[in-house]
Protein backbone atom coordinates (compact mmCIF):
# COMPACT_ATOMS: atom_id res chain seq x y z
CA MET A 1 4.57 -31.65 -1.15
CA SER A 2 1.92 -29.90 0.30
CA LYS A 3 -1.66 -30.18 -0.41
CA ALA A 4 -1.66 -26.57 -2.24
CA THR A 5 1.31 -27.53 -3.85
CA GLU A 6 0.02 -30.79 -5.22
CA ILE A 7 -3.62 -29.27 -6.55
CA ARG A 8 -1.56 -26.52 -7.89
CA GLU A 9 0.72 -29.02 -9.93
CA HIS A 10 -2.18 -30.94 -11.17
CA LEU A 11 -3.90 -27.84 -12.45
CA GLY A 12 -1.42 -27.01 -14.01
CA VAL A 13 -0.61 -23.97 -12.69
CA THR A 14 2.76 -24.85 -10.78
CA ARG A 15 5.05 -27.65 -11.54
CA THR A 16 8.06 -28.63 -9.54
CA ILE A 17 11.31 -29.48 -11.21
CA LYS A 18 13.55 -31.72 -9.81
CA LEU A 19 17.00 -30.75 -11.15
CA ASN A 20 19.74 -32.93 -12.75
CA MET A 21 22.38 -31.09 -11.46
CA PRO A 22 21.91 -29.26 -8.17
CA VAL A 23 23.54 -25.98 -7.34
CA LYS A 24 24.40 -23.85 -4.91
CA LEU A 25 23.16 -20.57 -4.80
CA ALA A 26 25.34 -16.96 -3.89
CA ASN A 27 23.50 -17.23 -0.24
CA GLY A 28 25.10 -20.57 0.42
CA ARG A 29 21.41 -22.33 -0.47
CA GLU A 30 21.43 -25.61 -2.38
CA LEU A 31 18.93 -26.15 -4.99
CA SER A 32 18.15 -29.71 -5.86
CA GLU A 33 13.92 -28.72 -7.31
CA LEU A 34 12.46 -25.36 -8.44
CA THR A 35 9.01 -24.66 -8.31
CA VAL A 36 8.08 -22.61 -11.47
CA ARG A 37 4.65 -20.80 -11.56
CA ARG A 38 2.74 -20.17 -15.03
CA ALA A 39 3.86 -16.77 -16.61
CA LYS A 40 1.68 -13.93 -17.02
CA VAL A 41 1.10 -10.86 -19.37
CA GLY A 42 2.73 -8.87 -16.31
CA ASP A 43 5.81 -10.97 -16.72
CA TYR A 44 6.10 -10.10 -19.90
CA ARG A 45 6.13 -6.80 -19.81
CA ALA A 46 8.74 -7.04 -16.43
CA THR A 47 11.42 -7.48 -18.61
CA ALA A 48 10.71 -6.28 -21.68
CA HIS A 49 13.40 -3.58 -20.89
CA CYS A 50 15.75 -6.65 -21.57
CA ALA A 51 18.34 -5.77 -24.17
CA SER A 52 18.36 -9.40 -26.12
CA GLU A 53 15.83 -12.24 -26.72
CA VAL A 54 18.02 -14.29 -24.29
CA GLU A 55 18.79 -12.13 -21.15
CA GLN A 56 14.67 -11.34 -21.83
CA GLU A 57 13.95 -15.33 -21.22
CA ILE A 58 16.58 -15.86 -18.49
CA MET A 59 14.85 -12.78 -16.28
CA LEU A 60 11.26 -14.23 -17.35
CA LEU A 61 12.37 -17.91 -16.15
CA ALA A 62 13.86 -16.65 -13.09
CA ARG A 63 11.00 -14.94 -12.04
CA LEU A 64 8.51 -17.76 -13.03
CA ALA A 65 10.46 -19.58 -10.80
CA GLY A 66 11.14 -17.07 -7.80
CA LEU A 67 15.14 -16.74 -8.18
CA VAL A 68 17.40 -14.06 -9.96
CA ALA A 69 18.80 -14.35 -13.10
CA GLU A 70 22.48 -15.00 -11.58
CA ASP A 71 20.69 -18.33 -10.09
CA VAL A 72 19.31 -19.25 -13.74
CA GLU A 73 22.81 -18.74 -15.26
CA GLU A 74 24.35 -21.60 -12.84
CA LEU A 75 21.70 -24.28 -13.80
CA ASP A 76 23.04 -27.09 -15.80
CA LEU A 77 22.19 -26.68 -19.04
CA SER A 78 19.86 -29.74 -19.23
CA ASP A 79 18.00 -28.14 -15.61
CA TYR A 80 17.56 -24.75 -18.28
CA LYS A 81 15.58 -26.66 -21.08
CA GLN A 82 13.31 -28.47 -18.38
CA LEU A 83 12.77 -24.39 -17.56
CA GLN A 84 12.15 -23.85 -21.12
CA ASP A 85 9.93 -26.85 -21.74
CA TRP A 86 7.64 -25.86 -18.86
CA PHE A 87 7.24 -22.20 -20.46
CA ARG A 88 6.50 -23.35 -23.49
CA LEU A 89 3.78 -25.38 -21.45
CA CYS A 90 2.29 -22.60 -20.21
CA GLN A 91 1.53 -21.10 -23.30
CA GLU A 92 -1.02 -23.34 -24.19
CA LYS A 93 -4.61 -23.67 -21.62
CA PRO A 94 -4.26 -25.00 -18.66
CA LYS A 95 -6.00 -27.98 -16.81
CA ALA A 96 -9.17 -28.23 -15.60
CA GLU A 97 -11.29 -30.44 -13.16
CA ASN A 98 -14.20 -30.08 -15.10
CA ASP A 99 -12.98 -30.41 -18.57
CA ASN A 100 -13.84 -33.75 -19.30
CA LEU A 101 -17.61 -33.01 -18.12
CA THR A 102 -17.64 -29.91 -20.63
CA GLN A 103 -16.65 -31.93 -24.12
């Protein structure tokens, strides 16, 4: 893991998720872990056109992981749950180095 990735994870900006069940993507690459970023309002806007909440969530999680929806659909349900858990965590205030100093 690069130093920049470590810093982003420490601040809560991204998280690397180790998949329980690695998958082979359409391009032939094997995916054993995902680095996902925090969601932004623009991500919601970009997926607002989706016909259902399930489709919107899959599209949104794909954007956060840098994948396409078809790749997310190949994930084991336990790994999809890890993505959902990260998304729920993203709805809270991110960690900050100086949080302890301001309290």
